[in-house]
Amino acid sequence: MLAIFILAVLCLVLELIPIFATSILLIGLELWLVFKKGHVWFRDLSEIEDMGK
């Protein structure tokens, strides 16, 4: 979450992409990282063992 915050600050201050695109990007990143069935890298290791069951 800290990385998303830093990305948001950098995008807003440096205006790398428009503000509306920054907000959509940040919402998408938060959903991707926080969602329970998100990417395998962000899951608890005990859940990975139970994936095939």
PDB file of N, CA and C in Angstrom:
ATOM      1  N   MET A   1       0.828  -1.183   0.000  1.00  0.00           N
ATOM      2  CA  MET A   1       0.000   0.000   0.000  1.00  0.00           C
ATOM      3  C   MET A   1       0.878   1.254   0.000  1.00  0.00           C
ATOM      4  N   LEU A   2       2.022   1.152   0.648  1.00  0.00           N
ATOM      5  CA  LEU A   2       2.928   2.296   0.669  1.00  0.00           C
ATOM      6  C   LEU A   2       3.448   2.594  -0.737  1.00  0.00           C
ATOM      7  N   ALA A   3       3.709   1.559  -1.505  1.00  0.00           N
ATOM      8  CA  ALA A   3       4.184   1.745  -2.876  1.00  0.00           C
ATOM      9  C   ALA A   3       3.110   2.418  -3.734  1.00  0.00           C
ATOM     10  N   ILE A   4       1.854   2.060  -3.513  1.00  0.00           N
ATOM     11  CA  ILE A   4       0.760   2.690  -4.259  1.00  0.00           C
ATOM     12  C   ILE A   4       0.668   4.169  -3.895  1.00  0.00           C
ATOM     13  N   PHE A   5       0.828   4.475  -2.603  1.00  0.00           N
ATOM     14  CA  PHE A   5       0.790   5.871  -2.167  1.00  0.00           C
ATOM     15  C   PHE A   5       1.920   6.674  -2.797  1.00  0.00           C
ATOM     16  N   ILE A   6       3.111   6.121  -2.807  1.00  0.00           N
ATOM     17  CA  ILE A   6       4.253   6.818  -3.415  1.00  0.00           C
ATOM     18  C   ILE A   6       4.033   7.000  -4.908  1.00  0.00           C
ATOM     19  N   LEU A   7       3.501   5.979  -5.578  1.00  0.00           N
ATOM     20  CA  LEU A   7       3.178   6.093  -7.000  1.00  0.00           C
ATOM     21  C   LEU A   7       2.161   7.203  -7.233  1.00  0.00           C
ATOM     22  N   ALA A   8       1.158   7.282  -6.373  1.00  0.00           N
ATOM     23  CA  ALA A   8       0.132   8.320  -6.510  1.00  0.00           C
ATOM     24  C   ALA A   8       0.739   9.710  -6.370  1.00  0.00           C
ATOM     25  N   VAL A   9       1.580   9.879  -5.382  1.00  0.00           N
ATOM     26  CA  VAL A   9       2.212  11.182  -5.165  1.00  0.00           C
ATOM     27  C   VAL A   9       3.085  11.559  -6.356  1.00  0.00           C
ATOM     28  N   LEU A  10       3.870  10.616  -6.829  1.00  0.00           N
ATOM     29  CA  LEU A  10       4.742  10.910  -7.969  1.00  0.00           C
ATOM     30  C   LEU A  10       3.939  11.243  -9.226  1.00  0.00           C
ATOM     31  N   CYS A  11       2.863  10.490  -9.478  1.00  0.00           N
ATOM     32  CA  CYS A  11       2.054  10.749 -10.669  1.00  0.00           C
ATOM     33  C   CYS A  11       1.346  12.097 -10.582  1.00  0.00           C
ATOM     34  N   LEU A  12       0.903  12.462  -9.384  1.00  0.00           N
ATOM     35  CA  LEU A  12       0.206  13.732  -9.236  1.00  0.00           C
ATOM     36  C   LEU A  12       1.162  14.921  -9.275  1.00  0.00           C
ATOM     37  N   VAL A  13       2.317  14.795  -8.647  1.00  0.00           N
ATOM     38  CA  VAL A  13       3.269  15.909  -8.603  1.00  0.00           C
ATOM     39  C   VAL A  13       3.952  16.106  -9.952  1.00  0.00           C
ATOM     40  N   LEU A  14       4.402  15.018 -10.553  1.00  0.00           N
ATOM     41  CA  LEU A  14       5.139  15.119 -11.816  1.00  0.00           C
ATOM     42  C   LEU A  14       4.218  15.161 -13.033  1.00  0.00           C
ATOM     43  N   GLU A  15       2.941  14.894 -12.816  1.00  0.00           N
ATOM     44  CA  GLU A  15       1.945  14.878 -13.886  1.00  0.00           C
ATOM     45  C   GLU A  15       2.373  13.975 -15.041  1.00  0.00           C
ATOM     46  N   LEU A  16       2.789  12.754 -14.681  1.00  0.00           N
ATOM     47  CA  LEU A  16       3.203  11.787 -15.691  1.00  0.00           C
ATOM     48  C   LEU A  16       2.036  11.371 -16.570  1.00  0.00           C
ATOM     49  N   ILE A  17       0.876  11.167 -15.948  1.00  0.00           N
ATOM     50  CA  ILE A  17      -0.351  10.861 -16.672  1.00  0.00           C
ATOM     51  C   ILE A  17      -1.438  11.773 -16.119  1.00  0.00           C
ATOM     52  N   PRO A  18      -2.515  12.003 -16.854  1.00  0.00           N
ATOM     53  CA  PRO A  18      -3.569  12.903 -16.362  1.00  0.00           C
ATOM     54  C   PRO A  18      -4.160  12.445 -15.022  1.00  0.00           C
ATOM     55  N   ILE A  19      -4.735  13.393 -14.297  1.00  0.00           N
ATOM     56  CA  ILE A  19      -5.243  13.116 -12.955  1.00  0.00           C
ATOM     57  C   ILE A  19      -6.325  12.045 -12.973  1.00  0.00           C
ATOM     58  N   PHE A  20      -7.263  12.103 -13.932  1.00  0.00           N
ATOM     59  CA  PHE A  20      -8.326  11.092 -13.960  1.00  0.00           C
ATOM     60  C   PHE A  20      -7.762   9.707 -14.236  1.00  0.00           C
ATOM     61  N   ALA A  21      -6.745   9.622 -15.062  1.00  0.00           N
ATOM     62  CA  ALA A  21      -6.127   8.326 -15.347  1.00  0.00           C
ATOM     63  C   ALA A  21      -5.354   7.816 -14.122  1.00  0.00           C
ATOM     64  N   THR A  22      -4.763   8.727 -13.379  1.00  0.00           N
ATOM     65  CA  THR A  22      -4.061   8.350 -12.156  1.00  0.00           C
ATOM     66  C   THR A  22      -5.030   7.747 -11.155  1.00  0.00           C
ATOM     67  N   SER A  23      -6.190   8.374 -11.003  1.00  0.00           N
ATOM     68  CA  SER A  23      -7.162   7.860 -10.033  1.00  0.00           C
ATOM     69  C   SER A  23      -7.675   6.484 -10.444  1.00  0.00           C
ATOM     70  N   ILE A  24      -7.928   6.279 -11.716  1.00  0.00           N
ATOM     71  CA  ILE A  24      -8.391   4.971 -12.191  1.00  0.00           C
ATOM     72  C   ILE A  24      -7.298   3.924 -12.009  1.00  0.00           C
ATOM     73  N   LEU A  25      -6.066   4.285 -12.307  1.00  0.00           N
ATOM     74  CA  LEU A  25      -4.934   3.376 -12.127  1.00  0.00           C
ATOM     75  C   LEU A  25      -4.785   2.970 -10.668  1.00  0.00           C
ATOM     76  N   LEU A  26      -4.889   3.919  -9.758  1.00  0.00           N
ATOM     77  CA  LEU A  26      -4.716   3.623  -8.333  1.00  0.00           C
ATOM     78  C   LEU A  26      -5.836   2.743  -7.804  1.00  0.00           C
ATOM     79  N   ILE A  27      -7.055   3.003  -8.209  1.00  0.00           N
ATOM     80  CA  ILE A  27      -8.168   2.158  -7.782  1.00  0.00           C
ATOM     81  C   ILE A  27      -7.972   0.735  -8.299  1.00  0.00           C
ATOM     82  N   GLY A  28      -7.555   0.602  -9.550  1.00  0.00           N
ATOM     83  CA  GLY A  28      -7.297  -0.725 -10.111  1.00  0.00           C
ATOM     84  C   GLY A  28      -6.180  -1.452  -9.379  1.00  0.00           C
ATOM     85  N   LEU A  29      -5.103  -0.747  -9.054  1.00  0.00           N
ATOM     86  CA  LEU A  29      -4.001  -1.380  -8.323  1.00  0.00           C
ATOM     87  C   LEU A  29      -4.427  -1.819  -6.932  1.00  0.00           C
ATOM     88  N   GLU A  30      -5.200  -0.980  -6.253  1.00  0.00           N
ATOM     89  CA  GLU A  30      -5.665  -1.353  -4.917  1.00  0.00           C
ATOM     90  C   GLU A  30      -6.572  -2.576  -4.965  1.00  0.00           C
ATOM     91  N   LEU A  31      -7.464  -2.620  -5.927  1.00  0.00           N
ATOM     92  CA  LEU A  31      -8.337  -3.785  -6.054  1.00  0.00           C
ATOM     93  C   LEU A  31      -7.533  -5.038  -6.356  1.00  0.00           C
ATOM     94  N   TRP A  32      -6.534  -4.915  -7.204  1.00  0.00           N
ATOM     95  CA  TRP A  32      -5.724  -6.058  -7.593  1.00  0.00           C
ATOM     96  C   TRP A  32      -4.905  -6.582  -6.411  1.00  0.00           C
ATOM     97  N   LEU A  33      -4.371  -5.678  -5.596  1.00  0.00           N
ATOM     98  CA  LEU A  33      -3.512  -6.099  -4.498  1.00  0.00           C
ATOM     99  C   LEU A  33      -4.291  -6.539  -3.259  1.00  0.00           C
ATOM    100  N   VAL A  34      -5.445  -5.967  -3.021  1.00  0.00           N
ATOM    101  CA  VAL A  34      -6.175  -6.226  -1.792  1.00  0.00           C
ATOM    102  C   VAL A  34      -7.198  -7.346  -1.950  1.00  0.00           C
ATOM    103  N   PHE A  35      -7.643  -7.585  -3.163  1.00  0.00           N
ATOM    104  CA  PHE A  35      -8.681  -8.575  -3.405  1.00  0.00           C
ATOM    105  C   PHE A  35      -8.241  -9.935  -2.894  1.00  0.00           C
ATOM    106  N   LYS A  36      -9.137 -10.639  -2.206  1.00  0.00           N
ATOM    107  CA  LYS A  36      -8.810 -11.914  -1.543  1.00  0.00           C
ATOM    108  C   LYS A  36      -8.232 -12.939  -2.518  1.00  0.00           C
ATOM    109  N   LYS A  37      -8.780 -13.042  -3.699  1.00  0.00           N
ATOM    110  CA  LYS A  37      -8.287 -14.028  -4.654  1.00  0.00           C
ATOM    111  C   LYS A  37      -7.389 -13.353  -5.689  1.00  0.00           C
ATOM    112  N   GLY A  38      -6.574 -12.429  -5.219  1.00  0.00           N
ATOM    113  CA  GLY A  38      -5.678 -11.690  -6.092  1.00  0.00           C
ATOM    114  C   GLY A  38      -4.549 -12.562  -6.608  1.00  0.00           C
ATOM    115  N   HIS A  39      -3.514 -11.942  -7.014  1.00  0.00           N
ATOM    116  CA  HIS A  39      -2.380 -12.622  -7.606  1.00  0.00           C
ATOM    117  C   HIS A  39      -1.749 -13.575  -6.601  1.00  0.00           C
ATOM    118  N   VAL A  40      -1.194 -14.675  -7.071  1.00  0.00           N
ATOM    119  CA  VAL A  40      -0.638 -15.721  -6.215  1.00  0.00           C
ATOM    120  C   VAL A  40       0.492 -15.182  -5.342  1.00  0.00           C
ATOM    121  N   TRP A  41       1.259 -14.213  -5.839  1.00  0.00           N
ATOM    122  CA  TRP A  41       2.386 -13.686  -5.073  1.00  0.00           C
ATOM    123  C   TRP A  41       1.941 -13.020  -3.780  1.00  0.00           C
ATOM    124  N   PHE A  42       0.702 -12.554  -3.723  1.00  0.00           N
ATOM    125  CA  PHE A  42       0.237 -11.801  -2.568  1.00  0.00           C
ATOM    126  C   PHE A  42      -0.637 -12.633  -1.641  1.00  0.00           C
ATOM    127  N   ARG A  43      -0.727 -13.934  -1.869  1.00  0.00           N
ATOM    128  CA  ARG A  43      -1.535 -14.804  -1.031  1.00  0.00           C
ATOM    129  C   ARG A  43      -0.712 -15.356   0.116  1.00  0.00           C
ATOM    130  N   ASP A  44      -1.421 -15.821   1.127  1.00  0.00           N
ATOM    131  CA  ASP A  44      -0.788 -16.511   2.246  1.00  0.00           C
ATOM    132  C   ASP A  44      -0.327 -17.882   1.755  1.00  0.00           C
ATOM    133  N   LEU A  45       0.836 -18.332   2.192  1.00  0.00           N
ATOM    134  CA  LEU A  45       1.379 -19.600   1.708  1.00  0.00           C
ATOM    135  C   LEU A  45       0.506 -20.786   2.072  1.00  0.00           C
ATOM    136  N   SER A  46      -0.203 -20.728   3.187  1.00  0.00           N
ATOM    137  CA  SER A  46      -1.067 -21.835   3.565  1.00  0.00           C
ATOM    138  C   SER A  46      -2.240 -21.982   2.597  1.00  0.00           C
ATOM    139  N   GLU A  47      -2.677 -20.899   1.981  1.00  0.00           N
ATOM    140  CA  GLU A  47      -3.766 -20.966   1.014  1.00  0.00           C
ATOM    141  C   GLU A  47      -3.313 -21.617  -0.286  1.00  0.00           C
ATOM    142  N   ILE A  48      -2.055 -21.478  -0.640  1.00  0.00           N
ATOM    143  CA  ILE A  48      -1.538 -22.048  -1.888  1.00  0.00           C
ATOM    144  C   ILE A  48      -1.561 -23.578  -1.815  1.00  0.00           C
ATOM    145  N   GLU A  49      -1.290 -24.128  -0.639  1.00  0.00           N
ATOM    146  CA  GLU A  49      -1.286 -25.590  -0.484  1.00  0.00           C
ATOM    147  C   GLU A  49      -2.687 -26.159  -0.684  1.00  0.00           C
ATOM    148  N   ASP A  50      -3.732 -25.397  -0.349  1.00  0.00           N
ATOM    149  CA  ASP A  50      -5.110 -25.877  -0.434  1.00  0.00           C
ATOM    150  C   ASP A  50      -5.772 -25.549  -1.777  1.00  0.00           C
ATOM    151  N   MET A  51      -5.026 -25.057  -2.746  1.00  0.00           N
ATOM    152  CA  MET A  51      -5.623 -24.612  -4.004  1.00  0.00           C
ATOM    153  C   MET A  51      -6.246 -25.774  -4.792  1.00  0.00           C
ATOM    154  N   GLY A  52      -5.656 -26.944  -4.765  1.00  0.00           N
ATOM    155  CA  GLY A  52      -6.155 -28.052  -5.549  1.00  0.00           C
ATOM    156  C   GLY A  52      -7.285 -28.819  -4.896  1.00  0.00           C
ATOM    157  N   LYS A  53      -7.634 -28.478  -3.692  1.00  0.00           N
ATOM    158  CA  LYS A  53      -8.654 -29.247  -2.946  1.00  0.00           C
ATOM    159  C   LYS A  53     -10.019 -28.648  -3.122  1.00  0.00           C
TER     160      LYS A  53
END
